[in-house]
């Protein structure tokens, strides 16, 4: 039996702006035959950086392709914009158009989650569809910035299921909104970043096996950000994660 592949780590800091440190980690996981997650970064027009994580929807043909084309299209749109809300909305919609073209070529219903951020001048604007997540880690607390677009997430927000069901309910993978090449209304969130904040985008393969408290401990650990995200991805696998695992993190300077 061959040994499991190591976690792939990428230092993306050279694409950052104004002292931003950026790193990503990804792993296929112990069960999947393909890593259908995608991630990317880009400079924004003028200054700032764009970040994207996409998770191809399993069980649908072309899930990995959908993640890759959505990531590429949204990155192109972010690169041309200045990081405003309209630019972020346009980036999500560009990804949706790209998946529609993919669907026309492949047939079936390829789809992907998409979580992206445009970071500029101490501010982050997030665009989101699906059950990947964006987190803000500040002062030892990991706060979820996005809403899970899943049946379970909707039930939790309505008070019909208890918090935490997103990680263990048997219907947790039933997605209610994603990038499918169909009409959609993506979530857009605008936040202020403070010194030493860490902004992290991730697929559900990372957050689902871990508590938010554990995520905060992992990502506020000392050391180079590349080592931090590598240990975090390994922790998700050690905690029993079976899906593809991807996280993309940005450390905001003091």
C-alpha atoms as a PDB file:
ATOM      1  CA  UNK A   1       0.000   0.000   0.000  1.00  0.00           C
ATOM      2  CA  UNK A   2       1.494   3.343  -1.021  1.00  0.00           C
ATOM      3  CA  UNK A   3       2.047   6.076   1.544  1.00  0.00           C
ATOM      4  CA  UNK A   4      -0.417   8.958   1.665  1.00  0.00           C
ATOM      5  CA  UNK A   5       0.780  12.015  -0.276  1.00  0.00           C
ATOM      6  CA  UNK A   6       1.961  14.984   1.791  1.00  0.00           C
ATOM      7  CA  UNK A   7      -0.013  18.169   2.179  1.00  0.00           C
ATOM      8  CA  UNK A   8       0.752  20.539  -0.703  1.00  0.00           C
ATOM      9  CA  UNK A   9       1.716  23.993   0.565  1.00  0.00           C
ATOM     10  CA  UNK A  10       2.094  27.142  -1.557  1.00  0.00           C
ATOM     11  CA  UNK A  11       3.609  30.443  -0.404  1.00  0.00           C
ATOM     12  CA  UNK A  12       1.693  33.178  -2.225  1.00  0.00           C
ATOM     13  CA  UNK A  13       3.080  36.144  -0.315  1.00  0.00           C
ATOM     14  CA  UNK A  14       4.966  37.523  -3.307  1.00  0.00           C
ATOM     15  CA  UNK A  15       1.573  38.252  -4.823  1.00  0.00           C
ATOM     16  CA  UNK A  16       0.460  40.117  -1.744  1.00  0.00           C
ATOM     17  CA  UNK A  17       0.386  43.853  -1.238  1.00  0.00           C
ATOM     18  CA  UNK A  18       1.595  46.108   1.539  1.00  0.00           C
ATOM     19  CA  UNK A  19       3.156  43.429   3.713  1.00  0.00           C
ATOM     20  CA  UNK A  20       0.366  40.859   3.423  1.00  0.00           C
ATOM     21  CA  UNK A  21       1.444  37.265   4.003  1.00  0.00           C
ATOM     22  CA  UNK A  22      -0.544  34.653   2.069  1.00  0.00           C
ATOM     23  CA  UNK A  23      -0.271  30.856   2.030  1.00  0.00           C
ATOM     24  CA  UNK A  24      -2.394  27.895   0.951  1.00  0.00           C
ATOM     25  CA  UNK A  25      -2.502  24.194   1.772  1.00  0.00           C
ATOM     26  CA  UNK A  26      -4.402  21.434  -0.007  1.00  0.00           C
ATOM     27  CA  UNK A  27      -4.717  17.645   0.160  1.00  0.00           C
ATOM     28  CA  UNK A  28      -6.741  15.107  -1.782  1.00  0.00           C
ATOM     29  CA  UNK A  29      -7.828  13.351   1.425  1.00  0.00           C
ATOM     30  CA  UNK A  30      -7.826   9.610   2.153  1.00  0.00           C
ATOM     31  CA  UNK A  31     -10.864   8.624   0.054  1.00  0.00           C
ATOM     32  CA  UNK A  32     -11.218  10.748  -3.086  1.00  0.00           C
ATOM     33  CA  UNK A  33      -9.511   9.849  -6.356  1.00  0.00           C
ATOM     34  CA  UNK A  34      -9.374  13.496  -7.483  1.00  0.00           C
ATOM     35  CA  UNK A  35      -8.806  16.780  -5.691  1.00  0.00           C
ATOM     36  CA  UNK A  36     -11.788  18.824  -6.877  1.00  0.00           C
ATOM     37  CA  UNK A  37     -10.825  21.875  -4.821  1.00  0.00           C
ATOM     38  CA  UNK A  38      -9.247  24.905  -6.488  1.00  0.00           C
ATOM     39  CA  UNK A  39      -7.632  28.044  -5.103  1.00  0.00           C
ATOM     40  CA  UNK A  40      -5.972  31.119  -6.571  1.00  0.00           C
ATOM     41  CA  UNK A  41      -4.829  34.660  -5.820  1.00  0.00           C
ATOM     42  CA  UNK A  42      -4.348  37.777  -7.920  1.00  0.00           C
ATOM     43  CA  UNK A  43      -3.282  41.397  -7.508  1.00  0.00           C
ATOM     44  CA  UNK A  44      -6.214  43.783  -7.756  1.00  0.00           C
ATOM     45  CA  UNK A  45      -6.210  46.715 -10.143  1.00  0.00           C
ATOM     46  CA  UNK A  46      -4.087  49.391  -8.487  1.00  0.00           C
ATOM     47  CA  UNK A  47      -3.405  47.694  -5.152  1.00  0.00           C
ATOM     48  CA  UNK A  48      -4.699  44.884  -2.978  1.00  0.00           C
ATOM     49  CA  UNK A  49      -5.123  41.160  -3.461  1.00  0.00           C
ATOM     50  CA  UNK A  50      -7.911  38.803  -4.499  1.00  0.00           C
ATOM     51  CA  UNK A  51      -8.323  35.320  -3.002  1.00  0.00           C
ATOM     52  CA  UNK A  52     -10.519  32.462  -4.227  1.00  0.00           C
ATOM     53  CA  UNK A  53     -11.404  28.958  -3.009  1.00  0.00           C
ATOM     54  CA  UNK A  54     -13.787  26.700  -4.946  1.00  0.00           C
ATOM     55  CA  UNK A  55     -14.932  23.160  -4.147  1.00  0.00           C
ATOM     56  CA  UNK A  56     -16.300  21.118  -7.038  1.00  0.00           C
ATOM     57  CA  UNK A  57     -19.546  19.436  -6.101  1.00  0.00           C
ATOM     58  CA  UNK A  58     -19.113  15.703  -5.682  1.00  0.00           C
ATOM     59  CA  UNK A  59     -21.515  13.338  -7.357  1.00  0.00           C
ATOM     60  CA  UNK A  60     -21.818  15.565 -10.415  1.00  0.00           C
ATOM     61  CA  UNK A  61     -19.774  15.089 -13.581  1.00  0.00           C
ATOM     62  CA  UNK A  62     -17.243  17.840 -14.052  1.00  0.00           C
ATOM     63  CA  UNK A  63     -17.141  19.008 -10.437  1.00  0.00           C
ATOM     64  CA  UNK A  64     -13.385  19.508 -10.533  1.00  0.00           C
ATOM     65  CA  UNK A  65     -13.634  21.252 -13.899  1.00  0.00           C
ATOM     66  CA  UNK A  66     -16.348  23.525 -12.507  1.00  0.00           C
ATOM     67  CA  UNK A  67     -14.130  24.518  -9.579  1.00  0.00           C
ATOM     68  CA  UNK A  68     -11.216  25.285 -11.878  1.00  0.00           C
ATOM     69  CA  UNK A  69     -13.143  27.352 -14.435  1.00  0.00           C
ATOM     70  CA  UNK A  70     -15.035  29.217 -11.709  1.00  0.00           C
ATOM     71  CA  UNK A  71     -11.778  29.991  -9.930  1.00  0.00           C
ATOM     72  CA  UNK A  72     -10.104  31.188 -13.133  1.00  0.00           C
ATOM     73  CA  UNK A  73     -13.043  33.344 -14.232  1.00  0.00           C
ATOM     74  CA  UNK A  74     -13.485  34.971 -10.837  1.00  0.00           C
ATOM     75  CA  UNK A  75      -9.750  35.660 -10.560  1.00  0.00           C
ATOM     76  CA  UNK A  76      -9.762  37.353 -13.973  1.00  0.00           C
ATOM     77  CA  UNK A  77     -12.681  39.533 -12.906  1.00  0.00           C
ATOM     78  CA  UNK A  78     -11.080  40.430  -9.571  1.00  0.00           C
ATOM     79  CA  UNK A  79      -7.810  41.329 -11.297  1.00  0.00           C
ATOM     80  CA  UNK A  80      -9.620  43.898 -13.436  1.00  0.00           C
ATOM     81  CA  UNK A  81     -11.467  45.461 -10.501  1.00  0.00           C
ATOM     82  CA  UNK A  82     -10.636  47.626  -7.506  1.00  0.00           C
ATOM     83  CA  UNK A  83     -12.061  45.370  -4.805  1.00  0.00           C
ATOM     84  CA  UNK A  84     -15.420  47.101  -4.404  1.00  0.00           C
ATOM     85  CA  UNK A  85     -18.698  45.274  -3.729  1.00  0.00           C
ATOM     86  CA  UNK A  86     -19.697  45.591  -7.379  1.00  0.00           C
ATOM     87  CA  UNK A  87     -16.370  44.060  -8.437  1.00  0.00           C
ATOM     88  CA  UNK A  88     -16.865  41.123  -6.093  1.00  0.00           C
ATOM     89  CA  UNK A  89     -20.421  40.512  -7.277  1.00  0.00           C
ATOM     90  CA  UNK A  90     -19.174  40.656 -10.863  1.00  0.00           C
ATOM     91  CA  UNK A  91     -16.472  38.095 -10.056  1.00  0.00           C
ATOM     92  CA  UNK A  92     -19.027  35.613  -8.713  1.00  0.00           C
ATOM     93  CA  UNK A  93     -21.268  36.152 -11.715  1.00  0.00           C
ATOM     94  CA  UNK A  94     -18.305  35.697 -14.088  1.00  0.00           C
ATOM     95  CA  UNK A  95     -17.673  32.341 -12.428  1.00  0.00           C
ATOM     96  CA  UNK A  96     -21.327  31.445 -12.911  1.00  0.00           C
ATOM     97  CA  UNK A  97     -21.151  32.263 -16.628  1.00  0.00           C
ATOM     98  CA  UNK A  98     -18.003  30.142 -16.971  1.00  0.00           C
ATOM     99  CA  UNK A  99     -19.748  27.162 -15.371  1.00  0.00           C
ATOM    100  CA  UNK A 100     -22.740  27.668 -17.688  1.00  0.00           C
ATOM    101  CA  UNK A 101     -20.395  27.410 -20.686  1.00  0.00           C
ATOM    102  CA  UNK A 102     -18.815  24.305 -19.157  1.00  0.00           C
ATOM    103  CA  UNK A 103     -22.248  22.757 -18.677  1.00  0.00           C
ATOM    104  CA  UNK A 104     -23.112  23.403 -22.316  1.00  0.00           C
ATOM    105  CA  UNK A 105     -19.948  21.590 -23.361  1.00  0.00           C
ATOM    106  CA  UNK A 106     -20.067  18.680 -20.895  1.00  0.00           C
ATOM    107  CA  UNK A 107     -23.758  18.152 -20.437  1.00  0.00           C
ATOM    108  CA  UNK A 108     -25.064  17.168 -17.027  1.00  0.00           C
ATOM    109  CA  UNK A 109     -24.936  19.641 -14.169  1.00  0.00           C
ATOM    110  CA  UNK A 110     -21.382  20.544 -13.116  1.00  0.00           C
ATOM    111  CA  UNK A 111     -21.249  22.813 -10.115  1.00  0.00           C
ATOM    112  CA  UNK A 112     -18.983  24.249  -7.470  1.00  0.00           C
ATOM    113  CA  UNK A 113     -18.979  26.264  -4.307  1.00  0.00           C
ATOM    114  CA  UNK A 114     -17.159  29.595  -4.471  1.00  0.00           C
ATOM    115  CA  UNK A 115     -15.811  31.809  -1.713  1.00  0.00           C
ATOM    116  CA  UNK A 116     -13.677  34.791  -2.646  1.00  0.00           C
ATOM    117  CA  UNK A 117     -12.284  37.930  -1.069  1.00  0.00           C
ATOM    118  CA  UNK A 118     -10.948  41.246  -2.316  1.00  0.00           C
ATOM    119  CA  UNK A 119      -8.588  42.764   0.265  1.00  0.00           C
ATOM    120  CA  UNK A 120      -7.542  46.386  -0.009  1.00  0.00           C
ATOM    121  CA  UNK A 121      -6.836  49.319   2.328  1.00  0.00           C
ATOM    122  CA  UNK A 122      -7.668  47.453   5.525  1.00  0.00           C
ATOM    123  CA  UNK A 123     -10.944  46.114   4.184  1.00  0.00           C
ATOM    124  CA  UNK A 124     -12.134  42.800   2.790  1.00  0.00           C
ATOM    125  CA  UNK A 125     -15.173  42.289   0.579  1.00  0.00           C
ATOM    126  CA  UNK A 126     -16.314  38.672   0.351  1.00  0.00           C
ATOM    127  CA  UNK A 127     -18.436  36.949  -2.280  1.00  0.00           C
ATOM    128  CA  UNK A 128     -19.896  33.556  -1.490  1.00  0.00           C
ATOM    129  CA  UNK A 129     -22.100  30.700  -2.684  1.00  0.00           C
ATOM    130  CA  UNK A 130     -22.153  27.177  -1.244  1.00  0.00           C
ATOM    131  CA  UNK A 131     -20.744  25.578   1.899  1.00  0.00           C
ATOM    132  CA  UNK A 132     -17.121  26.561   1.670  1.00  0.00           C
ATOM    133  CA  UNK A 133     -16.431  29.198   4.315  1.00  0.00           C
ATOM    134  CA  UNK A 134     -14.589  32.405   5.093  1.00  0.00           C
ATOM    135  CA  UNK A 135     -13.285  32.847   8.633  1.00  0.00           C
ATOM    136  CA  UNK A 136     -11.849  35.803  10.503  1.00  0.00           C
ATOM    137  CA  UNK A 137      -9.426  34.752  13.231  1.00  0.00           C
ATOM    138  CA  UNK A 138      -8.966  37.563  15.732  1.00  0.00           C
ATOM    139  CA  UNK A 139      -7.929  37.474  19.382  1.00  0.00           C
ATOM    140  CA  UNK A 140      -8.168  33.699  19.684  1.00  0.00           C
ATOM    141  CA  UNK A 141     -11.648  33.471  18.156  1.00  0.00           C
ATOM    142  CA  UNK A 142     -12.546  32.047  14.736  1.00  0.00           C
ATOM    143  CA  UNK A 143     -15.662  33.800  13.433  1.00  0.00           C
ATOM    144  CA  UNK A 144     -17.515  32.442  10.408  1.00  0.00           C
ATOM    145  CA  UNK A 145     -18.112  35.324   7.993  1.00  0.00           C
ATOM    146  CA  UNK A 146     -20.242  33.469   5.443  1.00  0.00           C
ATOM    147  CA  UNK A 147     -23.520  31.558   5.602  1.00  0.00           C
ATOM    148  CA  UNK A 148     -23.559  27.878   4.686  1.00  0.00           C
ATOM    149  CA  UNK A 149     -25.839  27.576   1.672  1.00  0.00           C
ATOM    150  CA  UNK A 150     -27.020  24.117   2.633  1.00  0.00           C
ATOM    151  CA  UNK A 151     -30.248  22.592   3.892  1.00  0.00           C
ATOM    152  CA  UNK A 152     -28.729  22.043   7.314  1.00  0.00           C
ATOM    153  CA  UNK A 153     -27.318  25.565   7.428  1.00  0.00           C
ATOM    154  CA  UNK A 154     -30.755  26.985   6.684  1.00  0.00           C
ATOM    155  CA  UNK A 155     -32.340  24.837   9.400  1.00  0.00           C
ATOM    156  CA  UNK A 156     -29.745  25.972  11.934  1.00  0.00           C
ATOM    157  CA  UNK A 157     -30.336  29.645  11.083  1.00  0.00           C
ATOM    158  CA  UNK A 158     -34.092  29.084  11.428  1.00  0.00           C
ATOM    159  CA  UNK A 159     -33.638  27.492  14.863  1.00  0.00           C
ATOM    160  CA  UNK A 160     -34.961  24.113  13.711  1.00  0.00           C
ATOM    161  CA  UNK A 161     -31.605  22.384  14.254  1.00  0.00           C
ATOM    162  CA  UNK A 162     -28.996  23.120  16.932  1.00  0.00           C
ATOM    163  CA  UNK A 163     -25.714  24.865  16.107  1.00  0.00           C
ATOM    164  CA  UNK A 164     -23.068  22.330  15.177  1.00  0.00           C
ATOM    165  CA  UNK A 165     -25.444  20.261  13.053  1.00  0.00           C
ATOM    166  CA  UNK A 166     -23.535  21.544  10.007  1.00  0.00           C
ATOM    167  CA  UNK A 167     -20.706  19.201  10.997  1.00  0.00           C
ATOM    168  CA  UNK A 168     -22.596  15.994  11.765  1.00  0.00           C
ATOM    169  CA  UNK A 169     -26.135  15.951  10.335  1.00  0.00           C
ATOM    170  CA  UNK A 170     -26.614  13.250   7.658  1.00  0.00           C
ATOM    171  CA  UNK A 171     -28.041  15.845   5.232  1.00  0.00           C
ATOM    172  CA  UNK A 172     -25.246  18.366   5.741  1.00  0.00           C
ATOM    173  CA  UNK A 173     -24.007  18.001   2.155  1.00  0.00           C
ATOM    174  CA  UNK A 174     -27.331  18.997   0.576  1.00  0.00           C
ATOM    175  CA  UNK A 175     -26.377  22.325  -1.046  1.00  0.00           C
ATOM    176  CA  UNK A 176     -29.092  24.933  -1.631  1.00  0.00           C
ATOM    177  CA  UNK A 177     -27.048  27.489  -3.601  1.00  0.00           C
ATOM    178  CA  UNK A 178     -23.849  27.108  -5.594  1.00  0.00           C
ATOM    179  CA  UNK A 179     -22.233  28.165  -8.842  1.00  0.00           C
ATOM    180  CA  UNK A 180     -24.228  26.063 -11.314  1.00  0.00           C
ATOM    181  CA  UNK A 181     -24.543  28.337 -14.323  1.00  0.00           C
ATOM    182  CA  UNK A 182     -28.081  29.242 -13.253  1.00  0.00           C
ATOM    183  CA  UNK A 183     -29.585  32.454 -11.808  1.00  0.00           C
ATOM    184  CA  UNK A 184     -28.233  33.065  -8.314  1.00  0.00           C
ATOM    185  CA  UNK A 185     -28.006  35.702  -5.595  1.00  0.00           C
ATOM    186  CA  UNK A 186     -24.548  35.412  -4.012  1.00  0.00           C
ATOM    187  CA  UNK A 187     -23.833  36.582  -0.496  1.00  0.00           C
ATOM    188  CA  UNK A 188     -21.581  39.659  -0.242  1.00  0.00           C
ATOM    189  CA  UNK A 189     -19.966  40.622   3.071  1.00  0.00           C
ATOM    190  CA  UNK A 190     -17.848  43.695   3.838  1.00  0.00           C
ATOM    191  CA  UNK A 191     -15.499  43.678   6.861  1.00  0.00           C
ATOM    192  CA  UNK A 192     -12.713  45.798   8.328  1.00  0.00           C
ATOM    193  CA  UNK A 193      -9.353  44.126   8.975  1.00  0.00           C
ATOM    194  CA  UNK A 194      -7.193  44.986  11.982  1.00  0.00           C
ATOM    195  CA  UNK A 195      -3.526  44.348  12.666  1.00  0.00           C
ATOM    196  CA  UNK A 196      -2.710  40.653  13.219  1.00  0.00           C
ATOM    197  CA  UNK A 197      -6.083  39.524  11.836  1.00  0.00           C
ATOM    198  CA  UNK A 198      -6.050  36.349   9.792  1.00  0.00           C
ATOM    199  CA  UNK A 199      -8.561  35.912   6.969  1.00  0.00           C
ATOM    200  CA  UNK A 200      -9.033  32.328   5.842  1.00  0.00           C
ATOM    201  CA  UNK A 201     -11.075  30.784   3.021  1.00  0.00           C
ATOM    202  CA  UNK A 202     -11.581  27.023   3.058  1.00  0.00           C
ATOM    203  CA  UNK A 203     -13.502  24.091   1.625  1.00  0.00           C
ATOM    204  CA  UNK A 204     -15.827  22.069   3.859  1.00  0.00           C
ATOM    205  CA  UNK A 205     -13.219  19.321   3.927  1.00  0.00           C
ATOM    206  CA  UNK A 206     -11.197  21.592   6.204  1.00  0.00           C
ATOM    207  CA  UNK A 207     -13.784  23.088   8.544  1.00  0.00           C
ATOM    208  CA  UNK A 208     -16.159  20.159   8.931  1.00  0.00           C
ATOM    209  CA  UNK A 209     -13.863  17.818  10.957  1.00  0.00           C
ATOM    210  CA  UNK A 210     -12.697  20.641  13.268  1.00  0.00           C
ATOM    211  CA  UNK A 211     -14.410  22.854  15.823  1.00  0.00           C
ATOM    212  CA  UNK A 212     -14.150  26.599  15.380  1.00  0.00           C
ATOM    213  CA  UNK A 213     -12.149  26.705  18.622  1.00  0.00           C
ATOM    214  CA  UNK A 214      -9.636  24.250  17.173  1.00  0.00           C
ATOM    215  CA  UNK A 215      -9.455  26.259  13.946  1.00  0.00           C
ATOM    216  CA  UNK A 216      -8.586  29.391  15.941  1.00  0.00           C
ATOM    217  CA  UNK A 217      -5.832  27.575  17.849  1.00  0.00           C
ATOM    218  CA  UNK A 218      -4.365  26.134  14.664  1.00  0.00           C
ATOM    219  CA  UNK A 219      -4.323  29.369  12.704  1.00  0.00           C
ATOM    220  CA  UNK A 220      -3.060  31.618  15.484  1.00  0.00           C
ATOM    221  CA  UNK A 221      -0.124  29.298  16.124  1.00  0.00           C
ATOM    222  CA  UNK A 222       3.303  30.945  15.867  1.00  0.00           C
ATOM    223  CA  UNK A 223       5.595  30.420  12.912  1.00  0.00           C
ATOM    224  CA  UNK A 224       5.609  31.009   9.159  1.00  0.00           C
ATOM    225  CA  UNK A 225       2.135  30.999   7.636  1.00  0.00           C
ATOM    226  CA  UNK A 226       3.152  28.181   5.294  1.00  0.00           C
ATOM    227  CA  UNK A 227       3.870  25.967   8.311  1.00  0.00           C
ATOM    228  CA  UNK A 228       0.657  27.081  10.019  1.00  0.00           C
ATOM    229  CA  UNK A 229      -1.600  26.138   7.096  1.00  0.00           C
ATOM    230  CA  UNK A 230       0.269  22.864   6.562  1.00  0.00           C
ATOM    231  CA  UNK A 231      -0.317  21.832  10.184  1.00  0.00           C
ATOM    232  CA  UNK A 232      -3.938  22.963   9.966  1.00  0.00           C
ATOM    233  CA  UNK A 233      -4.632  20.836   6.881  1.00  0.00           C
ATOM    234  CA  UNK A 234      -2.950  17.846   8.530  1.00  0.00           C
ATOM    235  CA  UNK A 235      -5.080  18.388  11.648  1.00  0.00           C
ATOM    236  CA  UNK A 236      -8.280  18.207   9.588  1.00  0.00           C
ATOM    237  CA  UNK A 237      -7.132  14.893   8.131  1.00  0.00           C
ATOM    238  CA  UNK A 238      -6.087  13.588  11.553  1.00  0.00           C
ATOM    239  CA  UNK A 239      -9.517  14.546  12.913  1.00  0.00           C
ATOM    240  CA  UNK A 240     -11.140  12.122  10.488  1.00  0.00           C
ATOM    241  CA  UNK A 241     -11.642  14.279   7.424  1.00  0.00           C
ATOM    242  CA  UNK A 242     -12.320  12.245   4.286  1.00  0.00           C
ATOM    243  CA  UNK A 243     -12.991  14.977   1.728  1.00  0.00           C
ATOM    244  CA  UNK A 244     -10.510  17.125  -0.191  1.00  0.00           C
ATOM    245  CA  UNK A 245      -8.994  19.659   2.217  1.00  0.00           C
ATOM    246  CA  UNK A 246      -8.066  23.201   1.148  1.00  0.00           C
ATOM    247  CA  UNK A 247      -7.426  26.431   3.021  1.00  0.00           C
ATOM    248  CA  UNK A 248      -6.091  29.771   1.822  1.00  0.00           C
ATOM    249  CA  UNK A 249      -5.018  32.220   4.520  1.00  0.00           C
ATOM    250  CA  UNK A 250      -3.965  35.861   4.618  1.00  0.00           C
ATOM    251  CA  UNK A 251      -2.250  37.407   7.632  1.00  0.00           C
ATOM    252  CA  UNK A 252      -2.862  41.133   7.924  1.00  0.00           C
ATOM    253  CA  UNK A 253       0.158  43.130   9.148  1.00  0.00           C
ATOM    254  CA  UNK A 254       0.234  45.084  12.398  1.00  0.00           C
END
